[in-house]
Each structure stands twice: as C-alpha cells, then as structure tokens.
Amino acid sequence: MSLESELQSVQRALQQGDLHEAAELLRRASANHPNDFDVWLSLASAERRLGRPEAAREACQRSIRIAQSAAAYSLLSQCESDLGDLAAAKEAGRRAVNMDSTAVSSRVFLAHLLLKTGHREEAVREFRTAAKFDGNRVRALTSLAHASLIEGNPEESLGFALEAQRVAPA
C-alpha cells in the first residue's frame, strides 16, 4: 500500500471520529515508511490525544531523528510536560521557539512551563513575545493579561482580558 493511500485511510478514520483506528493506521504506516517525518509526527499527536504520553514522546523523538522541526519540538515539550519532566519540557519548548520565533502556541506553552518552574520574568518575556506575533490578537491579549497579572498589575490584566473577550470570534 502506498503512503498516500495509507494517509487517506487515516484521514477517513479521523473524519469518522475514530482516533483509535487512525492511530493504529499510523502505527502501520510508520512500520511501512520508517523514515517519513510526517507519519511519525502525526502518530505522536494521535498518541498524545489518546492519553499515551510515553508512546507520543517516542514517536516525537523518532520524527526529530528524521528532521529537526519546531512542530516536533513543540509537541515533544507537551509530551514531556504530560510525563512530569518539566526540565525536558522546557528544553524542548526552547528549541521549538528558537526554530520558529513566531510560533505563538509554542511560546505560550513555554511561558506556562516557565511559570510552573518559578521563572516568572522569563515567562513574562515569552508571553509578551507571543503577543507580538499573534495575528488574531485573542491569544496575544490573553498572554498579555497573564503577563500583567504576574507583574502585579491586575487592572491592566483585566483590561487585556476584556479586550480579548471583545475581539474573540463569536
């Protein structure tokens, strides 16, 4: 079976809402195409969504061995966090934002990790940097609300939060 037809089967399973079947099909595709970055990254995402962080981390690491990418490091950061290894999660998150400085979701996730580990000033910087790159402004305003609250400015935080609510799509 060609990779294209395997991926079409995965897509059909996802459209039918069968994530378990999609993951199984991706496992088969990874065995048939062990050097395909997208298959491994998709498998990692499916495994994480299924609540299998160890399998997700393994698939992420496999994708990174094939090709270094911000998306893979960002997902690896989430997997490491799910597994409770916040140091590894921060390292992977930093790699993700170093590879793609405009990745808002990666920066916001990293900022939350930094908060969890007591790095408030660095977290504020990441929230503020994320805000600069957010095209739809909702995540940016939410990030700025977090940063303002951390900095001890609840009035400014409330203003950003209300603005985020105002500009959010209905």
N, C-alpha and C. Protein backbone atom coordinates (compact mmCIF):
# COMPACT_ATOMS: atom_id res chain seq x y z
N MET A 1 0.85 -1.18 0.00
CA MET A 1 0.00 0.00 0.00
C MET A 1 0.90 1.24 0.00
N SER A 2 0.54 2.22 -0.81
CA SER A 2 1.34 3.45 -0.89
C SER A 2 1.09 4.32 0.35
N LEU A 3 2.05 5.18 0.62
CA LEU A 3 1.91 6.10 1.74
C LEU A 3 0.68 6.97 1.55
N GLU A 4 0.46 7.43 0.34
CA GLU A 4 -0.70 8.29 0.08
C GLU A 4 -2.00 7.58 0.42
N SER A 5 -2.15 6.33 0.02
CA SER A 5 -3.40 5.61 0.33
C SER A 5 -3.51 5.32 1.83
N GLU A 6 -2.38 5.07 2.48
CA GLU A 6 -2.42 4.86 3.93
C GLU A 6 -2.88 6.13 4.65
N LEU A 7 -2.36 7.28 4.20
CA LEU A 7 -2.75 8.54 4.82
C LEU A 7 -4.21 8.90 4.53
N GLN A 8 -4.70 8.49 3.38
CA GLN A 8 -6.13 8.70 3.08
C GLN A 8 -6.99 7.87 4.03
N SER A 9 -6.53 6.66 4.35
CA SER A 9 -7.26 5.83 5.32
C SER A 9 -7.25 6.46 6.70
N VAL A 10 -6.12 7.03 7.08
CA VAL A 10 -6.02 7.75 8.36
C VAL A 10 -7.02 8.90 8.36
N GLN A 11 -7.05 9.66 7.28
CA GLN A 11 -7.95 10.81 7.17
C GLN A 11 -9.41 10.37 7.29
N ARG A 12 -9.76 9.27 6.64
CA ARG A 12 -11.15 8.75 6.74
C ARG A 12 -11.48 8.38 8.18
N ALA A 13 -10.55 7.73 8.86
CA ALA A 13 -10.79 7.35 10.26
C ALA A 13 -11.00 8.59 11.12
N LEU A 14 -10.20 9.61 10.88
CA LEU A 14 -10.34 10.85 11.65
C LEU A 14 -11.67 11.53 11.35
N GLN A 15 -12.07 11.53 10.09
CA GLN A 15 -13.35 12.15 9.71
C GLN A 15 -14.52 11.42 10.36
N GLN A 16 -14.35 10.12 10.58
CA GLN A 16 -15.39 9.33 11.25
C GLN A 16 -15.28 9.42 12.77
N GLY A 17 -14.29 10.17 13.24
CA GLY A 17 -14.12 10.35 14.68
C GLY A 17 -13.48 9.17 15.38
N ASP A 18 -12.81 8.31 14.63
CA ASP A 18 -12.19 7.12 15.23
C ASP A 18 -10.68 7.33 15.38
N LEU A 19 -10.31 7.99 16.47
CA LEU A 19 -8.90 8.29 16.71
C LEU A 19 -8.09 7.01 16.96
N HIS A 20 -8.71 6.02 17.60
CA HIS A 20 -8.01 4.75 17.85
C HIS A 20 -7.62 4.07 16.54
N GLU A 21 -8.56 4.05 15.59
CA GLU A 21 -8.28 3.46 14.28
C GLU A 21 -7.22 4.28 13.54
N ALA A 22 -7.33 5.59 13.62
CA ALA A 22 -6.33 6.44 12.96
C ALA A 22 -4.94 6.17 13.51
N ALA A 23 -4.84 6.05 14.84
CA ALA A 23 -3.54 5.77 15.46
C ALA A 23 -3.01 4.41 15.01
N GLU A 24 -3.88 3.42 14.95
CA GLU A 24 -3.44 2.09 14.50
C GLU A 24 -2.95 2.15 13.05
N LEU A 25 -3.66 2.86 12.22
CA LEU A 25 -3.23 3.01 10.82
C LEU A 25 -1.90 3.76 10.73
N LEU A 26 -1.71 4.75 11.59
CA LEU A 26 -0.43 5.48 11.61
C LEU A 26 0.70 4.59 12.11
N ARG A 27 0.41 3.71 13.06
CA ARG A 27 1.44 2.76 13.51
C ARG A 27 1.88 1.87 12.35
N ARG A 28 0.91 1.39 11.58
CA ARG A 28 1.24 0.55 10.41
C ARG A 28 2.03 1.36 9.38
N ALA A 29 1.59 2.60 9.16
CA ALA A 29 2.29 3.46 8.19
C ALA A 29 3.72 3.72 8.65
N SER A 30 3.92 3.88 9.96
CA SER A 30 5.29 4.13 10.45
C SER A 30 6.17 2.90 10.26
N ALA A 31 5.57 1.71 10.35
CA ALA A 31 6.33 0.49 10.10
C ALA A 31 6.67 0.35 8.61
N ASN A 32 5.73 0.74 7.76
CA ASN A 32 5.93 0.64 6.32
C ASN A 32 6.81 1.76 5.76
N HIS A 33 6.83 2.90 6.46
CA HIS A 33 7.58 4.08 6.00
C HIS A 33 8.34 4.67 7.18
N PRO A 34 9.34 3.95 7.67
CA PRO A 34 10.01 4.33 8.91
C PRO A 34 10.80 5.64 8.85
N ASN A 35 11.01 6.18 7.66
CA ASN A 35 11.76 7.43 7.53
C ASN A 35 10.88 8.61 7.14
N ASP A 36 9.59 8.47 7.33
CA ASP A 36 8.68 9.55 6.97
C ASP A 36 8.37 10.41 8.20
N PHE A 37 8.87 11.63 8.19
CA PHE A 37 8.71 12.56 9.30
C PHE A 37 7.24 12.78 9.65
N ASP A 38 6.42 13.07 8.64
CA ASP A 38 5.01 13.42 8.89
C ASP A 38 4.23 12.27 9.52
N VAL A 39 4.54 11.05 9.13
CA VAL A 39 3.86 9.89 9.72
C VAL A 39 4.18 9.81 11.21
N TRP A 40 5.45 9.97 11.55
CA TRP A 40 5.84 9.88 12.96
C TRP A 40 5.25 11.02 13.78
N LEU A 41 5.26 12.23 13.22
CA LEU A 41 4.71 13.37 13.95
C LEU A 41 3.19 13.22 14.12
N SER A 42 2.52 12.75 13.10
CA SER A 42 1.08 12.51 13.20
C SER A 42 0.78 11.42 14.23
N LEU A 43 1.60 10.38 14.23
CA LEU A 43 1.42 9.32 15.23
C LEU A 43 1.63 9.88 16.64
N ALA A 44 2.63 10.71 16.81
CA ALA A 44 2.88 11.32 18.12
C ALA A 44 1.67 12.12 18.58
N SER A 45 1.11 12.89 17.69
CA SER A 45 -0.06 13.70 18.03
C SER A 45 -1.25 12.81 18.40
N ALA A 46 -1.47 11.76 17.62
CA ALA A 46 -2.58 10.84 17.92
C ALA A 46 -2.38 10.15 19.26
N GLU A 47 -1.17 9.69 19.52
CA GLU A 47 -0.89 9.01 20.79
C GLU A 47 -1.13 9.96 21.97
N ARG A 48 -0.72 11.19 21.82
CA ARG A 48 -0.93 12.17 22.91
C ARG A 48 -2.42 12.40 23.12
N ARG A 49 -3.15 12.56 22.04
CA ARG A 49 -4.60 12.77 22.16
C ARG A 49 -5.30 11.57 22.78
N LEU A 50 -4.71 10.40 22.61
CA LEU A 50 -5.27 9.18 23.21
C LEU A 50 -4.82 8.98 24.66
N GLY A 51 -4.02 9.92 25.16
CA GLY A 51 -3.57 9.83 26.55
C GLY A 51 -2.43 8.86 26.76
N ARG A 52 -1.61 8.67 25.73
CA ARG A 52 -0.45 7.78 25.81
C ARG A 52 0.83 8.60 25.63
N PRO A 53 1.21 9.35 26.68
CA PRO A 53 2.34 10.27 26.52
C PRO A 53 3.67 9.59 26.25
N GLU A 54 3.91 8.38 26.79
CA GLU A 54 5.19 7.72 26.51
C GLU A 54 5.30 7.36 25.04
N ALA A 55 4.22 6.81 24.49
CA ALA A 55 4.22 6.46 23.06
C ALA A 55 4.32 7.73 22.21
N ALA A 56 3.67 8.80 22.66
CA ALA A 56 3.73 10.06 21.93
C ALA A 56 5.16 10.61 21.94
N ARG A 57 5.80 10.57 23.10
CA ARG A 57 7.18 11.05 23.20
C ARG A 57 8.09 10.24 22.29
N GLU A 58 7.94 8.93 22.29
CA GLU A 58 8.78 8.07 21.46
C GLU A 58 8.60 8.40 19.98
N ALA A 59 7.36 8.60 19.56
CA ALA A 59 7.10 8.94 18.15
C ALA A 59 7.67 10.32 17.82
N CYS A 60 7.56 11.26 18.76
CA CYS A 60 8.14 12.60 18.56
C CYS A 60 9.65 12.51 18.38
N GLN A 61 10.28 11.76 19.27
CA GLN A 61 11.74 11.62 19.19
C GLN A 61 12.13 10.98 17.86
N ARG A 62 11.33 10.05 17.40
CA ARG A 62 11.60 9.41 16.11
C ARG A 62 11.52 10.42 14.97
N SER A 63 10.48 11.29 15.04
CA SER A 63 10.34 12.30 13.98
C SER A 63 11.51 13.28 14.01
N ILE A 64 11.98 13.62 15.20
CA ILE A 64 13.10 14.57 15.34
C ILE A 64 14.39 13.95 14.79
N ARG A 65 14.55 12.64 14.94
CA ARG A 65 15.74 11.99 14.37
C ARG A 65 15.72 12.06 12.84
N ILE A 66 14.52 12.14 12.27
CA ILE A 66 14.40 12.23 10.82
C ILE A 66 14.61 13.66 10.35
N ALA A 67 13.98 14.60 11.04
CA ALA A 67 14.10 16.02 10.66
C ALA A 67 13.83 16.89 11.88
N GLN A 68 14.72 17.81 12.14
CA GLN A 68 14.53 18.76 13.23
C GLN A 68 13.44 19.74 12.81
N SER A 69 12.43 19.92 13.65
CA SER A 69 11.39 20.89 13.32
C SER A 69 10.81 21.49 14.58
N ALA A 70 10.36 22.74 14.45
CA ALA A 70 9.73 23.42 15.58
C ALA A 70 8.48 22.68 16.02
N ALA A 71 7.71 22.18 15.06
CA ALA A 71 6.46 21.48 15.40
C ALA A 71 6.75 20.23 16.23
N ALA A 72 7.78 19.49 15.86
CA ALA A 72 8.12 18.27 16.60
C ALA A 72 8.61 18.61 18.00
N TYR A 73 9.45 19.63 18.12
CA TYR A 73 9.93 20.01 19.46
C TYR A 73 8.80 20.56 20.32
N SER A 74 7.87 21.27 19.71
CA SER A 74 6.73 21.79 20.46
C SER A 74 5.88 20.64 21.01
N LEU A 75 5.61 19.66 20.18
CA LEU A 75 4.85 18.50 20.63
C LEU A 75 5.63 17.70 21.67
N LEU A 76 6.94 17.57 21.48
CA LEU A 76 7.77 16.88 22.46
C LEU A 76 7.71 17.60 23.80
N SER A 77 7.70 18.92 23.78
CA SER A 77 7.59 19.70 25.01
C SER A 77 6.31 19.35 25.75
N GLN A 78 5.22 19.25 25.02
CA GLN A 78 3.94 18.90 25.63
C GLN A 78 3.97 17.47 26.21
N CYS A 79 4.57 16.56 25.47
CA CYS A 79 4.67 15.17 25.95
C CYS A 79 5.50 15.09 27.22
N GLU A 80 6.63 15.77 27.23
CA GLU A 80 7.49 15.76 28.43
C GLU A 80 6.74 16.36 29.62
N SER A 81 5.99 17.41 29.38
CA SER A 81 5.19 18.01 30.44
C SER A 81 4.14 17.02 30.95
N ASP A 82 3.47 16.33 30.03
CA ASP A 82 2.48 15.32 30.41
C ASP A 82 3.11 14.25 31.30
N LEU A 83 4.37 13.93 31.03
CA LEU A 83 5.08 12.90 31.79
C LEU A 83 5.71 13.45 33.07
N GLY A 84 5.59 14.75 33.30
CA GLY A 84 6.09 15.36 34.52
C GLY A 84 7.55 15.76 34.49
N ASP A 85 8.20 15.67 33.33
CA ASP A 85 9.60 16.08 33.23
C ASP A 85 9.64 17.52 32.72
N LEU A 86 9.47 18.47 33.64
CA LEU A 86 9.38 19.86 33.25
C LEU A 86 10.69 20.41 32.71
N ALA A 87 11.82 19.90 33.18
CA ALA A 87 13.11 20.36 32.65
C ALA A 87 13.23 19.97 31.17
N ALA A 88 12.90 18.73 30.84
CA ALA A 88 12.95 18.30 29.44
C ALA A 88 11.90 19.04 28.62
N ALA A 89 10.75 19.30 29.22
CA ALA A 89 9.70 20.04 28.52
C ALA A 89 10.17 21.45 28.17
N LYS A 90 10.81 22.13 29.13
CA LYS A 90 11.32 23.47 28.87
C LYS A 90 12.39 23.44 27.78
N GLU A 91 13.28 22.47 27.86
CA GLU A 91 14.35 22.37 26.85
C GLU A 91 13.76 22.21 25.45
N ALA A 92 12.80 21.30 25.32
CA ALA A 92 12.17 21.09 24.02
C ALA A 92 11.39 22.33 23.59
N GLY A 93 10.72 22.99 24.54
CA GLY A 93 9.98 24.21 24.22
C GLY A 93 10.90 25.32 23.75
N ARG A 94 12.04 25.45 24.40
CA ARG A 94 13.01 26.47 23.96
C ARG A 94 13.53 26.17 22.56
N ARG A 95 13.77 24.89 22.29
CA ARG A 95 14.21 24.54 20.93
C ARG A 95 13.15 24.90 19.90
N ALA A 96 11.89 24.64 20.25
CA ALA A 96 10.79 24.95 19.33
C ALA A 96 10.75 26.44 19.02
N VAL A 97 10.82 27.29 20.04
CA VAL A 97 10.73 28.74 19.77
C VAL A 97 12.00 29.27 19.14
N ASN A 98 13.13 28.63 19.37
CA ASN A 98 14.36 29.05 18.68
C ASN A 98 14.29 28.72 17.20
N MET A 99 13.60 27.65 16.86
CA MET A 99 13.48 27.25 15.46
C MET A 99 12.41 28.06 14.72
N ASP A 100 11.38 28.47 15.46
CA ASP A 100 10.30 29.26 14.87
C ASP A 100 9.88 30.32 15.88
N SER A 101 10.49 31.47 15.77
CA SER A 101 10.27 32.53 16.76
C SER A 101 8.86 33.09 16.72
N THR A 102 8.12 32.84 15.65
CA THR A 102 6.76 33.37 15.53
C THR A 102 5.68 32.40 15.99
N ALA A 103 6.05 31.24 16.47
CA ALA A 103 5.07 30.21 16.88
C ALA A 103 4.42 30.61 18.21
N VAL A 104 3.25 31.19 18.13
CA VAL A 104 2.56 31.71 19.30
C VAL A 104 2.24 30.60 20.30
N SER A 105 1.66 29.50 19.84
CA SER A 105 1.26 28.45 20.78
C SER A 105 2.47 27.84 21.49
N SER A 106 3.58 27.70 20.79
CA SER A 106 4.79 27.17 21.43
C SER A 106 5.30 28.13 22.50
N ARG A 107 5.27 29.41 22.20
CA ARG A 107 5.73 30.41 23.19
C ARG A 107 4.82 30.45 24.41
N VAL A 108 3.52 30.39 24.18
CA VAL A 108 2.58 30.43 25.30
C VAL A 108 2.76 29.20 26.18
N PHE A 109 2.92 28.02 25.56
CA PHE A 109 3.13 26.80 26.33
C PHE A 109 4.42 26.89 27.13
N LEU A 110 5.48 27.37 26.49
CA LEU A 110 6.76 27.55 27.18
C LEU A 110 6.61 28.52 28.34
N ALA A 111 5.88 29.61 28.14
CA ALA A 111 5.67 30.58 29.22
C ALA A 111 4.98 29.93 30.41
N HIS A 112 3.99 29.10 30.15
CA HIS A 112 3.30 28.40 31.25
C HIS A 112 4.25 27.45 31.97
N LEU A 113 5.11 26.77 31.21
CA LEU A 113 6.11 25.90 31.84
C LEU A 113 7.06 26.71 32.72
N LEU A 114 7.46 27.85 32.22
CA LEU A 114 8.37 28.71 32.98
C LEU A 114 7.70 29.18 34.27
N LEU A 115 6.42 29.49 34.20
CA LEU A 115 5.69 29.86 35.41
C LEU A 115 5.67 28.73 36.42
N LYS A 116 5.39 27.52 35.93
CA LYS A 116 5.32 26.35 36.82
C LYS A 116 6.64 26.10 37.54
N THR A 117 7.72 26.48 36.90
CA THR A 117 9.04 26.21 37.47
C THR A 117 9.67 27.44 38.11
N GLY A 118 8.86 28.47 38.34
CA GLY A 118 9.33 29.63 39.09
C GLY A 118 10.14 30.65 38.33
N HIS A 119 10.08 30.63 37.01
CA HIS A 119 10.84 31.58 36.18
C HIS A 119 9.88 32.67 35.67
N ARG A 120 9.41 33.49 36.59
CA ARG A 120 8.38 34.48 36.28
C ARG A 120 8.82 35.49 35.23
N GLU A 121 9.99 36.06 35.39
CA GLU A 121 10.42 37.11 34.46
C GLU A 121 10.56 36.58 33.04
N GLU A 122 11.13 35.40 32.93
CA GLU A 122 11.27 34.78 31.61
C GLU A 122 9.89 34.44 31.02
N ALA A 123 8.97 34.00 31.88
CA ALA A 123 7.61 33.70 31.43
C ALA A 123 6.94 34.97 30.88
N VAL A 124 7.09 36.06 31.59
CA VAL A 124 6.51 37.33 31.13
C VAL A 124 7.08 37.71 29.77
N ARG A 125 8.39 37.56 29.60
CA ARG A 125 9.01 37.87 28.30
C ARG A 125 8.40 37.01 27.20
N GLU A 126 8.21 35.71 27.49
CA GLU A 126 7.64 34.82 26.47
C GLU A 126 6.20 35.19 26.16
N PHE A 127 5.40 35.51 27.19
CA PHE A 127 4.02 35.95 26.94
C PHE A 127 4.01 37.21 26.07
N ARG A 128 4.86 38.16 26.40
CA ARG A 128 4.90 39.42 25.63
C ARG A 128 5.40 39.19 24.20
N THR A 129 6.36 38.30 24.04
CA THR A 129 6.85 37.99 22.68
C THR A 129 5.76 37.29 21.89
N ALA A 130 5.04 36.37 22.51
CA ALA A 130 3.94 35.69 21.83
C ALA A 130 2.91 36.71 21.35
N ALA A 131 2.65 37.70 22.17
CA ALA A 131 1.65 38.72 21.82
C ALA A 131 2.04 39.47 20.55
N LYS A 132 3.33 39.66 20.33
CA LYS A 132 3.79 40.39 19.14
C LYS A 132 3.47 39.64 17.84
N PHE A 133 3.41 38.31 17.92
CA PHE A 133 3.26 37.50 16.71
C PHE A 133 1.85 36.98 16.48
N ASP A 134 0.92 37.30 17.36
CA ASP A 134 -0.43 36.74 17.27
C ASP A 134 -1.27 37.54 16.28
N GLY A 135 -1.62 36.91 15.18
CA GLY A 135 -2.40 37.59 14.15
C GLY A 135 -3.84 37.85 14.54
N ASN A 136 -4.47 36.95 15.29
CA ASN A 136 -5.88 37.15 15.63
C ASN A 136 -6.07 37.90 16.94
N ARG A 137 -5.00 38.19 17.64
CA ARG A 137 -4.95 39.01 18.84
C ARG A 137 -5.56 38.38 20.08
N VAL A 138 -6.39 37.35 19.97
CA VAL A 138 -7.02 36.78 21.17
C VAL A 138 -5.97 36.16 22.07
N ARG A 139 -5.13 35.30 21.51
CA ARG A 139 -4.07 34.69 22.33
C ARG A 139 -3.09 35.74 22.82
N ALA A 140 -2.83 36.74 21.98
CA ALA A 140 -1.90 37.80 22.39
C ALA A 140 -2.46 38.54 23.60
N LEU A 141 -3.71 38.92 23.52
CA LEU A 141 -4.32 39.66 24.63
C LEU A 141 -4.40 38.80 25.88
N THR A 142 -4.70 37.52 25.71
CA THR A 142 -4.73 36.62 26.85
C THR A 142 -3.33 36.49 27.45
N SER A 143 -2.32 36.39 26.59
CA SER A 143 -0.94 36.33 27.07
C SER A 143 -0.56 37.60 27.82
N LEU A 144 -0.95 38.72 27.28
CA LEU A 144 -0.65 39.99 27.96
C LEU A 144 -1.39 40.09 29.29
N ALA A 145 -2.60 39.55 29.34
CA ALA A 145 -3.34 39.53 30.62
C ALA A 145 -2.57 38.71 31.65
N HIS A 146 -2.05 37.54 31.22
CA HIS A 146 -1.24 36.71 32.13
C HIS A 146 0.00 37.47 32.59
N ALA A 147 0.69 38.06 31.62
CA ALA A 147 1.94 38.76 31.95
C ALA A 147 1.67 39.91 32.92
N SER A 148 0.62 40.67 32.68
CA SER A 148 0.30 41.79 33.57
C SER A 148 -0.04 41.32 34.96
N LEU A 149 -0.78 40.23 35.05
CA LEU A 149 -1.14 39.69 36.36
C LEU A 149 0.11 39.24 37.11
N ILE A 150 1.02 38.58 36.40
CA ILE A 150 2.27 38.12 37.01
C ILE A 150 3.09 39.31 37.50
N GLU A 151 3.06 40.38 36.72
CA GLU A 151 3.82 41.57 37.09
C GLU A 151 3.16 42.37 38.21
N GLY A 152 1.99 41.91 38.67
CA GLY A 152 1.33 42.58 39.78
C GLY A 152 0.46 43.75 39.36
N ASN A 153 -0.05 43.71 38.14
CA ASN A 153 -0.90 44.79 37.66
C ASN A 153 -2.27 44.23 37.28
N PRO A 154 -3.14 43.99 38.27
CA PRO A 154 -4.43 43.36 37.98
C PRO A 154 -5.35 44.23 37.12
N GLU A 155 -5.27 45.54 37.23
CA GLU A 155 -6.13 46.41 36.42
C GLU A 155 -5.78 46.27 34.94
N GLU A 156 -4.48 46.31 34.64
CA GLU A 156 -4.05 46.14 33.25
C GLU A 156 -4.43 44.75 32.75
N SER A 157 -4.27 43.74 33.60
CA SER A 157 -4.62 42.38 33.25
C SER A 157 -6.10 42.28 32.88
N LEU A 158 -6.95 42.87 33.69
CA LEU A 158 -8.39 42.85 33.42
C LEU A 158 -8.69 43.54 32.09
N GLY A 159 -8.02 44.65 31.82
CA GLY A 159 -8.22 45.35 30.55
C GLY A 159 -7.88 44.47 29.36
N PHE A 160 -6.75 43.77 29.42
CA PHE A 160 -6.37 42.86 28.33
C PHE A 160 -7.37 41.71 28.21
N ALA A 161 -7.81 41.16 29.33
CA ALA A 161 -8.76 40.05 29.30
C ALA A 161 -10.09 40.48 28.69
N LEU A 162 -10.57 41.67 29.05
CA LEU A 162 -11.83 42.17 28.48
C LEU A 162 -11.69 42.44 26.99
N GLU A 163 -10.54 42.97 26.58
CA GLU A 163 -10.30 43.21 25.15
C GLU A 163 -10.25 41.88 24.39
N ALA A 164 -9.63 40.86 24.99
CA ALA A 164 -9.60 39.53 24.34
C ALA A 164 -11.01 39.00 24.16
N GLN A 165 -11.83 39.18 25.15
CA GLN A 165 -13.22 38.72 25.06
C GLN A 165 -13.97 39.50 23.96
N ARG A 166 -13.69 40.79 23.85
CA ARG A 166 -14.36 41.61 22.86
C ARG A 166 -14.00 41.21 21.42
N VAL A 167 -12.71 40.90 21.18
CA VAL A 167 -12.28 40.59 19.81
C VAL A 167 -12.40 39.12 19.44
N ALA A 168 -12.74 38.28 20.41
CA ALA A 168 -12.86 36.84 20.12
C ALA A 168 -13.99 36.58 19.14
N PRO A 169 -13.74 35.67 18.19
CA PRO A 169 -14.82 35.34 17.24
C PRO A 169 -16.01 34.74 17.97
N ALA A 170 -17.17 35.07 17.47
CA ALA A 170 -18.41 34.58 18.12
C ALA A 170 -18.61 33.10 17.90
